[in-house]
């Protein structure tokens, strides 16, 4: 992730095993690890909780959804320039 460029944002909720698995897989994919990702707990914001409901985890890059549910390595590689 470059300064000022698009950001990876991972929307999660506490206690979500899919969110934990997604974050681990994503961290393994990124050479720089999790410091390259902004993690947002949707339950800390009523609007986000409504928007995402039970859809978490959701990964956005530059405001575009690039992953949801289970981590799809091939899709991520196709959409996110490493």
PDB file of N, CA and C in Angstrom:
ATOM      1  N   UNK A   1       0.852  -1.164   0.000  1.00  0.00           N
ATOM      2  CA  UNK A   1       0.000   0.000   0.000  1.00  0.00           C
ATOM      3  C   UNK A   1       0.894   1.222   0.000  1.00  0.00           C
ATOM      4  N   UNK A   2       0.668   2.141  -0.878  1.00  0.00           N
ATOM      5  CA  UNK A   2       1.494   3.332  -0.951  1.00  0.00           C
ATOM      6  C   UNK A   2       0.811   4.471  -0.231  1.00  0.00           C
ATOM      7  N   UNK A   3       1.594   5.379   0.389  1.00  0.00           N
ATOM      8  CA  UNK A   3       0.993   6.519   1.071  1.00  0.00           C
ATOM      9  C   UNK A   3       0.149   7.330   0.102  1.00  0.00           C
ATOM     10  N   UNK A   4      -1.074   7.663   0.522  1.00  0.00           N
ATOM     11  CA  UNK A   4      -1.957   8.447  -0.323  1.00  0.00           C
ATOM     12  C   UNK A   4      -2.686   7.631  -1.364  1.00  0.00           C
ATOM     13  N   UNK A   5      -2.317   6.388  -1.539  1.00  0.00           N
ATOM     14  CA  UNK A   5      -2.974   5.533  -2.519  1.00  0.00           C
ATOM     15  C   UNK A   5      -4.168   4.818  -1.924  1.00  0.00           C
ATOM     16  N   UNK A   6      -4.818   3.973  -2.710  1.00  0.00           N
ATOM     17  CA  UNK A   6      -5.951   3.201  -2.197  1.00  0.00           C
ATOM     18  C   UNK A   6      -5.546   2.348  -1.001  1.00  0.00           C
ATOM     19  N   UNK A   7      -6.488   2.153  -0.118  1.00  0.00           N
ATOM     20  CA  UNK A   7      -6.247   1.426   1.121  1.00  0.00           C
ATOM     21  C   UNK A   7      -7.001   0.105   1.130  1.00  0.00           C
ATOM     22  N   UNK A   8      -6.374  -0.916   1.678  1.00  0.00           N
ATOM     23  CA  UNK A   8      -7.069  -2.170   1.954  1.00  0.00           C
ATOM     24  C   UNK A   8      -7.791  -2.014   3.277  1.00  0.00           C
ATOM     25  N   UNK A   9      -9.090  -2.255   3.265  1.00  0.00           N
ATOM     26  CA  UNK A   9      -9.893  -2.180   4.482  1.00  0.00           C
ATOM     27  C   UNK A   9     -10.602  -3.515   4.648  1.00  0.00           C
ATOM     28  N   UNK A  10     -10.414  -4.128   5.809  1.00  0.00           N
ATOM     29  CA  UNK A  10     -11.066  -5.397   6.115  1.00  0.00           C
ATOM     30  C   UNK A  10     -12.124  -5.146   7.182  1.00  0.00           C
ATOM     31  N   UNK A  11     -13.391  -5.318   6.791  1.00  0.00           N
ATOM     32  CA  UNK A  11     -14.513  -5.158   7.713  1.00  0.00           C
ATOM     33  C   UNK A  11     -14.785  -6.490   8.390  1.00  0.00           C
ATOM     34  N   UNK A  12     -14.795  -6.483   9.719  1.00  0.00           N
ATOM     35  CA  UNK A  12     -14.928  -7.698  10.511  1.00  0.00           C
ATOM     36  C   UNK A  12     -15.870  -7.441  11.683  1.00  0.00           C
ATOM     37  N   UNK A  13     -16.087  -8.484  12.455  1.00  0.00           N
ATOM     38  CA  UNK A  13     -16.745  -8.323  13.755  1.00  0.00           C
ATOM     39  C   UNK A  13     -16.091  -9.280  14.720  1.00  0.00           C
ATOM     40  N   UNK A  14     -16.074  -8.893  15.977  1.00  0.00           N
ATOM     41  CA  UNK A  14     -15.453  -9.694  17.016  1.00  0.00           C
ATOM     42  C   UNK A  14     -16.164 -11.039  17.142  1.00  0.00           C
ATOM     43  N   UNK A  15     -15.378 -12.091  17.314  1.00  0.00           N
ATOM     44  CA  UNK A  15     -15.936 -13.429  17.488  1.00  0.00           C
ATOM     45  C   UNK A  15     -16.309 -14.122  16.196  1.00  0.00           C
ATOM     46  N   UNK A  16     -15.951 -13.548  15.065  1.00  0.00           N
ATOM     47  CA  UNK A  16     -16.291 -14.109  13.749  1.00  0.00           C
ATOM     48  C   UNK A  16     -15.131 -14.992  13.277  1.00  0.00           C
ATOM     49  N   UNK A  17     -15.344 -16.311  13.257  1.00  0.00           N
ATOM     50  CA  UNK A  17     -14.256 -17.208  12.855  1.00  0.00           C
ATOM     51  C   UNK A  17     -13.887 -17.034  11.388  1.00  0.00           C
ATOM     52  N   UNK A  18     -14.848 -16.700  10.522  1.00  0.00           N
ATOM     53  CA  UNK A  18     -14.529 -16.434   9.115  1.00  0.00           C
ATOM     54  C   UNK A  18     -13.652 -15.192   8.993  1.00  0.00           C
ATOM     55  N   UNK A  19     -13.936 -14.188   9.823  1.00  0.00           N
ATOM     56  CA  UNK A  19     -13.130 -12.966   9.809  1.00  0.00           C
ATOM     57  C   UNK A  19     -11.696 -13.267  10.222  1.00  0.00           C
ATOM     58  N   UNK A  20     -11.541 -14.074  11.272  1.00  0.00           N
ATOM     59  CA  UNK A  20     -10.205 -14.440  11.735  1.00  0.00           C
ATOM     60  C   UNK A  20      -9.437 -15.194  10.658  1.00  0.00           C
ATOM     61  N   UNK A  21     -10.088 -16.170  10.026  1.00  0.00           N
ATOM     62  CA  UNK A  21      -9.446 -16.953   8.961  1.00  0.00           C
ATOM     63  C   UNK A  21      -9.078 -16.073   7.775  1.00  0.00           C
ATOM     64  N   UNK A  22      -9.994 -15.167   7.393  1.00  0.00           N
ATOM     65  CA  UNK A  22      -9.750 -14.259   6.273  1.00  0.00           C
ATOM     66  C   UNK A  22      -8.522 -13.407   6.561  1.00  0.00           C
ATOM     67  N   UNK A  23      -8.458 -12.847   7.777  1.00  0.00           N
ATOM     68  CA  UNK A  23      -7.337 -11.980   8.147  1.00  0.00           C
ATOM     69  C   UNK A  23      -6.011 -12.733   8.121  1.00  0.00           C
ATOM     70  N   UNK A  24      -6.017 -13.962   8.580  1.00  0.00           N
ATOM     71  CA  UNK A  24      -4.794 -14.773   8.568  1.00  0.00           C
ATOM     72  C   UNK A  24      -4.343 -15.042   7.135  1.00  0.00           C
ATOM     73  N   UNK A  25      -5.262 -15.479   6.286  1.00  0.00           N
ATOM     74  CA  UNK A  25      -4.929 -15.758   4.884  1.00  0.00           C
ATOM     75  C   UNK A  25      -4.441 -14.502   4.168  1.00  0.00           C
ATOM     76  N   UNK A  26      -5.106 -13.380   4.421  1.00  0.00           N
ATOM     77  CA  UNK A  26      -4.710 -12.120   3.805  1.00  0.00           C
ATOM     78  C   UNK A  26      -3.324 -11.704   4.275  1.00  0.00           C
ATOM     79  N   UNK A  27      -3.062 -11.838   5.567  1.00  0.00           N
ATOM     80  CA  UNK A  27      -1.747 -11.504   6.109  1.00  0.00           C
ATOM     81  C   UNK A  27      -0.642 -12.344   5.512  1.00  0.00           C
ATOM     82  N   UNK A  28      -0.927 -13.618   5.277  1.00  0.00           N
ATOM     83  CA  UNK A  28       0.057 -14.492   4.650  1.00  0.00           C
ATOM     84  C   UNK A  28       0.316 -14.104   3.202  1.00  0.00           C
ATOM     85  N   UNK A  29      -0.692 -13.590   2.545  1.00  0.00           N
ATOM     86  CA  UNK A  29      -0.568 -13.196   1.137  1.00  0.00           C
ATOM     87  C   UNK A  29       0.274 -11.931   0.988  1.00  0.00           C
ATOM     88  N   UNK A  30       0.173 -11.035   1.947  1.00  0.00           N
ATOM     89  CA  UNK A  30       0.879  -9.759   1.864  1.00  0.00           C
ATOM     90  C   UNK A  30       2.250  -9.881   2.504  1.00  0.00           C
ATOM     91  N   UNK A  31       3.261  -9.538   1.760  1.00  0.00           N
ATOM     92  CA  UNK A  31       4.627  -9.620   2.259  1.00  0.00           C
ATOM     93  C   UNK A  31       4.796  -8.744   3.489  1.00  0.00           C
ATOM     94  N   UNK A  32       4.187  -7.558   3.487  1.00  0.00           N
ATOM     95  CA  UNK A  32       4.315  -6.627   4.605  1.00  0.00           C
ATOM     96  C   UNK A  32       3.454  -6.976   5.794  1.00  0.00           C
ATOM     97  N   UNK A  33       2.598  -7.965   5.662  1.00  0.00           N
ATOM     98  CA  UNK A  33       1.745  -8.379   6.764  1.00  0.00           C
ATOM     99  C   UNK A  33       0.576  -7.461   7.024  1.00  0.00           C
ATOM    100  N   UNK A  34       0.006  -7.604   8.205  1.00  0.00           N
ATOM    101  CA  UNK A  34      -1.237  -6.924   8.531  1.00  0.00           C
ATOM    102  C   UNK A  34      -1.102  -5.412   8.696  1.00  0.00           C
ATOM    103  N   UNK A  35       0.107  -4.881   8.836  1.00  0.00           N
ATOM    104  CA  UNK A  35       0.240  -3.432   8.957  1.00  0.00           C
ATOM    105  C   UNK A  35      -0.167  -2.711   7.678  1.00  0.00           C
ATOM    106  N   UNK A  36      -0.349  -3.433   6.598  1.00  0.00           N
ATOM    107  CA  UNK A  36      -0.774  -2.838   5.327  1.00  0.00           C
ATOM    108  C   UNK A  36      -2.297  -2.786   5.202  1.00  0.00           C
ATOM    109  N   UNK A  37      -2.998  -3.198   6.253  1.00  0.00           N
ATOM    110  CA  UNK A  37      -4.450  -3.316   6.196  1.00  0.00           C
ATOM    111  C   UNK A  37      -5.071  -2.530   7.349  1.00  0.00           C
ATOM    112  N   UNK A  38      -6.148  -1.822   7.053  1.00  0.00           N
ATOM    113  CA  UNK A  38      -6.935  -1.174   8.113  1.00  0.00           C
ATOM    114  C   UNK A  38      -8.089  -2.109   8.442  1.00  0.00           C
ATOM    115  N   UNK A  39      -8.160  -2.556   9.693  1.00  0.00           N
ATOM    116  CA  UNK A  39      -9.220  -3.471  10.124  1.00  0.00           C
ATOM    117  C   UNK A  39     -10.275  -2.660  10.861  1.00  0.00           C
ATOM    118  N   UNK A  40     -11.542  -2.836  10.436  1.00  0.00           N
ATOM    119  CA  UNK A  40     -12.649  -2.083  11.000  1.00  0.00           C
ATOM    120  C   UNK A  40     -13.687  -3.053  11.552  1.00  0.00           C
ATOM    121  N   UNK A  41     -13.990  -2.916  12.833  1.00  0.00           N
ATOM    122  CA  UNK A  41     -15.038  -3.710  13.478  1.00  0.00           C
ATOM    123  C   UNK A  41     -16.368  -3.029  13.182  1.00  0.00           C
ATOM    124  N   UNK A  42     -17.207  -3.677  12.388  1.00  0.00           N
ATOM    125  CA  UNK A  42     -18.469  -3.060  11.960  1.00  0.00           C
ATOM    126  C   UNK A  42     -19.409  -2.794  13.118  1.00  0.00           C
ATOM    127  N   UNK A  43     -19.267  -3.515  14.206  1.00  0.00           N
ATOM    128  CA  UNK A  43     -20.168  -3.327  15.340  1.00  0.00           C
ATOM    129  C   UNK A  43     -19.862  -2.071  16.156  1.00  0.00           C
ATOM    130  N   UNK A  44     -18.788  -1.388  15.835  1.00  0.00           N
ATOM    131  CA  UNK A  44     -18.452  -0.134  16.520  1.00  0.00           C
ATOM    132  C   UNK A  44     -19.101   1.069  15.846  1.00  0.00           C
ATOM    133  N   UNK A  45     -19.808   0.827  14.742  1.00  0.00           N
ATOM    134  CA  UNK A  45     -20.460   1.902  13.989  1.00  0.00           C
ATOM    135  C   UNK A  45     -21.809   1.374  13.506  1.00  0.00           C
ATOM    136  N   UNK A  46     -22.881   1.991  13.940  1.00  0.00           N
ATOM    137  CA  UNK A  46     -24.226   1.511  13.611  1.00  0.00           C
ATOM    138  C   UNK A  46     -24.473   1.461  12.098  1.00  0.00           C
ATOM    139  N   UNK A  47     -23.961   2.445  11.368  1.00  0.00           N
ATOM    140  CA  UNK A  47     -24.139   2.462   9.915  1.00  0.00           C
ATOM    141  C   UNK A  47     -23.429   1.278   9.253  1.00  0.00           C
ATOM    142  N   UNK A  48     -22.200   1.002   9.694  1.00  0.00           N
ATOM    143  CA  UNK A  48     -21.462  -0.135   9.134  1.00  0.00           C
ATOM    144  C   UNK A  48     -22.127  -1.453   9.511  1.00  0.00           C
ATOM    145  N   UNK A  49     -22.611  -1.552  10.737  1.00  0.00           N
ATOM    146  CA  UNK A  49     -23.285  -2.776  11.179  1.00  0.00           C
ATOM    147  C   UNK A  49     -24.514  -3.031  10.318  1.00  0.00           C
ATOM    148  N   UNK A  50     -25.235  -1.979   9.980  1.00  0.00           N
ATOM    149  CA  UNK A  50     -26.406  -2.110   9.108  1.00  0.00           C
ATOM    150  C   UNK A  50     -25.991  -2.455   7.689  1.00  0.00           C
ATOM    151  N   UNK A  51     -24.964  -1.773   7.174  1.00  0.00           N
ATOM    152  CA  UNK A  51     -24.518  -1.989   5.798  1.00  0.00           C
ATOM    153  C   UNK A  51     -24.019  -3.416   5.579  1.00  0.00           C
ATOM    154  N   UNK A  52     -23.221  -3.930   6.512  1.00  0.00           N
ATOM    155  CA  UNK A  52     -22.599  -5.234   6.306  1.00  0.00           C
ATOM    156  C   UNK A  52     -23.358  -6.379   6.959  1.00  0.00           C
ATOM    157  N   UNK A  53     -24.148  -6.099   7.985  1.00  0.00           N
ATOM    158  CA  UNK A  53     -24.938  -7.145   8.621  1.00  0.00           C
ATOM    159  C   UNK A  53     -24.120  -8.395   8.883  1.00  0.00           C
ATOM    160  N   UNK A  54     -24.562  -9.506   8.313  1.00  0.00           N
ATOM    161  CA  UNK A  54     -23.857 -10.780   8.476  1.00  0.00           C
ATOM    162  C   UNK A  54     -22.890 -11.073   7.329  1.00  0.00           C
ATOM    163  N   UNK A  55     -22.649 -10.089   6.453  1.00  0.00           N
ATOM    164  CA  UNK A  55     -21.793 -10.302   5.280  1.00  0.00           C
ATOM    165  C   UNK A  55     -20.311 -10.376   5.604  1.00  0.00           C
ATOM    166  N   UNK A  56     -19.901  -9.999   6.799  1.00  0.00           N
ATOM    167  CA  UNK A  56     -18.472  -9.958   7.121  1.00  0.00           C
ATOM    168  C   UNK A  56     -17.855 -11.351   7.068  1.00  0.00           C
ATOM    169  N   UNK A  57     -16.593 -11.441   6.734  1.00  0.00           N
ATOM    170  CA  UNK A  57     -15.665 -10.371   6.436  1.00  0.00           C
ATOM    171  C   UNK A  57     -15.845  -9.846   5.009  1.00  0.00           C
ATOM    172  N   UNK A  58     -15.539  -8.562   4.856  1.00  0.00           N
ATOM    173  CA  UNK A  58     -15.553  -7.923   3.544  1.00  0.00           C
ATOM    174  C   UNK A  58     -14.243  -7.160   3.407  1.00  0.00           C
ATOM    175  N   UNK A  59     -13.545  -7.364   2.293  1.00  0.00           N
ATOM    176  CA  UNK A  59     -12.298  -6.665   2.014  1.00  0.00           C
ATOM    177  C   UNK A  59     -12.526  -5.697   0.873  1.00  0.00           C
ATOM    178  N   UNK A  60     -12.161  -4.435   1.107  1.00  0.00           N
ATOM    179  CA  UNK A  60     -12.260  -3.419   0.068  1.00  0.00           C
ATOM    180  C   UNK A  60     -10.870  -2.874  -0.244  1.00  0.00           C
ATOM    181  N   UNK A  61     -10.670  -2.556  -1.514  1.00  0.00           N
ATOM    182  CA  UNK A  61      -9.443  -1.911  -1.968  1.00  0.00           C
ATOM    183  C   UNK A  61      -9.852  -0.695  -2.776  1.00  0.00           C
ATOM    184  N   UNK A  62      -9.519   0.480  -2.268  1.00  0.00           N
ATOM    185  CA  UNK A  62      -9.919   1.698  -2.963  1.00  0.00           C
ATOM    186  C   UNK A  62     -11.425   1.833  -3.076  1.00  0.00           C
ATOM    187  N   UNK A  63     -12.160   1.328  -2.090  1.00  0.00           N
ATOM    188  CA  UNK A  63     -13.613   1.430  -2.088  1.00  0.00           C
ATOM    189  C   UNK A  63     -14.338   0.365  -2.887  1.00  0.00           C
ATOM    190  N   UNK A  64     -13.589  -0.558  -3.490  1.00  0.00           N
ATOM    191  CA  UNK A  64     -14.179  -1.634  -4.294  1.00  0.00           C
ATOM    192  C   UNK A  64     -14.040  -2.948  -3.535  1.00  0.00           C
ATOM    193  N   UNK A  65     -15.127  -3.709  -3.449  1.00  0.00           N
ATOM    194  CA  UNK A  65     -15.076  -4.999  -2.770  1.00  0.00           C
ATOM    195  C   UNK A  65     -14.224  -5.966  -3.590  1.00  0.00           C
ATOM    196  N   UNK A  66     -13.170  -6.499  -2.953  1.00  0.00           N
ATOM    197  CA  UNK A  66     -12.297  -7.463  -3.628  1.00  0.00           C
ATOM    198  C   UNK A  66     -12.341  -8.829  -2.954  1.00  0.00           C
ATOM    199  N   UNK A  67     -13.111  -8.925  -1.877  1.00  0.00           N
ATOM    200  CA  UNK A  67     -13.255 -10.205  -1.209  1.00  0.00           C
ATOM    201  C   UNK A  67     -14.372 -10.158  -0.192  1.00  0.00           C
ATOM    202  N   UNK A  68     -15.027 -11.297  -0.031  1.00  0.00           N
ATOM    203  CA  UNK A  68     -16.131 -11.381   0.917  1.00  0.00           C
ATOM    204  C   UNK A  68     -16.314 -12.841   1.322  1.00  0.00           C
ATOM    205  N   UNK A  69     -16.552 -13.068   2.605  1.00  0.00           N
ATOM    206  CA  UNK A  69     -16.756 -14.437   3.080  1.00  0.00           C
ATOM    207  C   UNK A  69     -15.435 -15.145   3.292  1.00  0.00           C
ATOM    208  N   UNK A  70     -15.087 -15.996   2.373  1.00  0.00           N
ATOM    209  CA  UNK A  70     -13.809 -16.717   2.442  1.00  0.00           C
ATOM    210  C   UNK A  70     -12.789 -16.035   1.526  1.00  0.00           C
ATOM    211  N   UNK A  71     -11.536 -16.041   1.962  1.00  0.00           N
ATOM    212  CA  UNK A  71     -10.472 -15.409   1.181  1.00  0.00           C
ATOM    213  C   UNK A  71     -10.235 -16.183  -0.107  1.00  0.00           C
ATOM    214  N   UNK A  72     -10.296 -15.473  -1.229  1.00  0.00           N
ATOM    215  CA  UNK A  72     -10.066 -16.060  -2.548  1.00  0.00           C
ATOM    216  C   UNK A  72      -8.737 -15.510  -3.064  1.00  0.00           C
ATOM    217  N   UNK A  73      -7.684 -16.280  -2.899  1.00  0.00           N
ATOM    218  CA  UNK A  73      -6.328 -15.847  -3.253  1.00  0.00           C
ATOM    219  C   UNK A  73      -6.218 -15.428  -4.721  1.00  0.00           C
ATOM    220  N   UNK A  74      -6.786 -16.196  -5.627  1.00  0.00           N
ATOM    221  CA  UNK A  74      -6.685 -15.878  -7.053  1.00  0.00           C
ATOM    222  C   UNK A  74      -7.381 -14.556  -7.382  1.00  0.00           C
ATOM    223  N   UNK A  75      -8.580 -14.361  -6.842  1.00  0.00           N
ATOM    224  CA  UNK A  75      -9.306 -13.102  -7.081  1.00  0.00           C
ATOM    225  C   UNK A  75      -8.526 -11.930  -6.498  1.00  0.00           C
ATOM    226  N   UNK A  76      -8.001 -12.110  -5.288  1.00  0.00           N
ATOM    227  CA  UNK A  76      -7.243 -11.047  -4.653  1.00  0.00           C
ATOM    228  C   UNK A  76      -6.025 -10.671  -5.498  1.00  0.00           C
ATOM    229  N   UNK A  77      -5.295 -11.667  -5.966  1.00  0.00           N
ATOM    230  CA  UNK A  77      -4.111 -11.399  -6.778  1.00  0.00           C
ATOM    231  C   UNK A  77      -4.454 -10.688  -8.079  1.00  0.00           C
ATOM    232  N   UNK A  78      -5.611 -11.012  -8.626  1.00  0.00           N
ATOM    233  CA  UNK A  78      -6.031 -10.397  -9.879  1.00  0.00           C
ATOM    234  C   UNK A  78      -6.430  -8.920  -9.678  1.00  0.00           C
ATOM    235  N   UNK A  79      -6.923  -8.581  -8.495  1.00  0.00           N
ATOM    236  CA  UNK A  79      -7.450  -7.240  -8.262  1.00  0.00           C
ATOM    237  C   UNK A  79      -6.533  -6.333  -7.470  1.00  0.00           C
ATOM    238  N   UNK A  80      -5.570  -6.915  -6.737  1.00  0.00           N
ATOM    239  CA  UNK A  80      -4.701  -6.109  -5.888  1.00  0.00           C
ATOM    240  C   UNK A  80      -3.256  -6.243  -6.358  1.00  0.00           C
ATOM    241  N   UNK A  81      -2.671  -5.126  -6.776  1.00  0.00           N
ATOM    242  CA  UNK A  81      -1.266  -5.184  -7.238  1.00  0.00           C
ATOM    243  C   UNK A  81      -0.309  -5.330  -6.073  1.00  0.00           C
ATOM    244  N   UNK A  82       0.341  -6.480  -5.994  1.00  0.00           N
ATOM    245  CA  UNK A  82       1.285  -6.722  -4.895  1.00  0.00           C
ATOM    246  C   UNK A  82       2.584  -5.983  -5.109  1.00  0.00           C
TER     247      UNK A  82
END
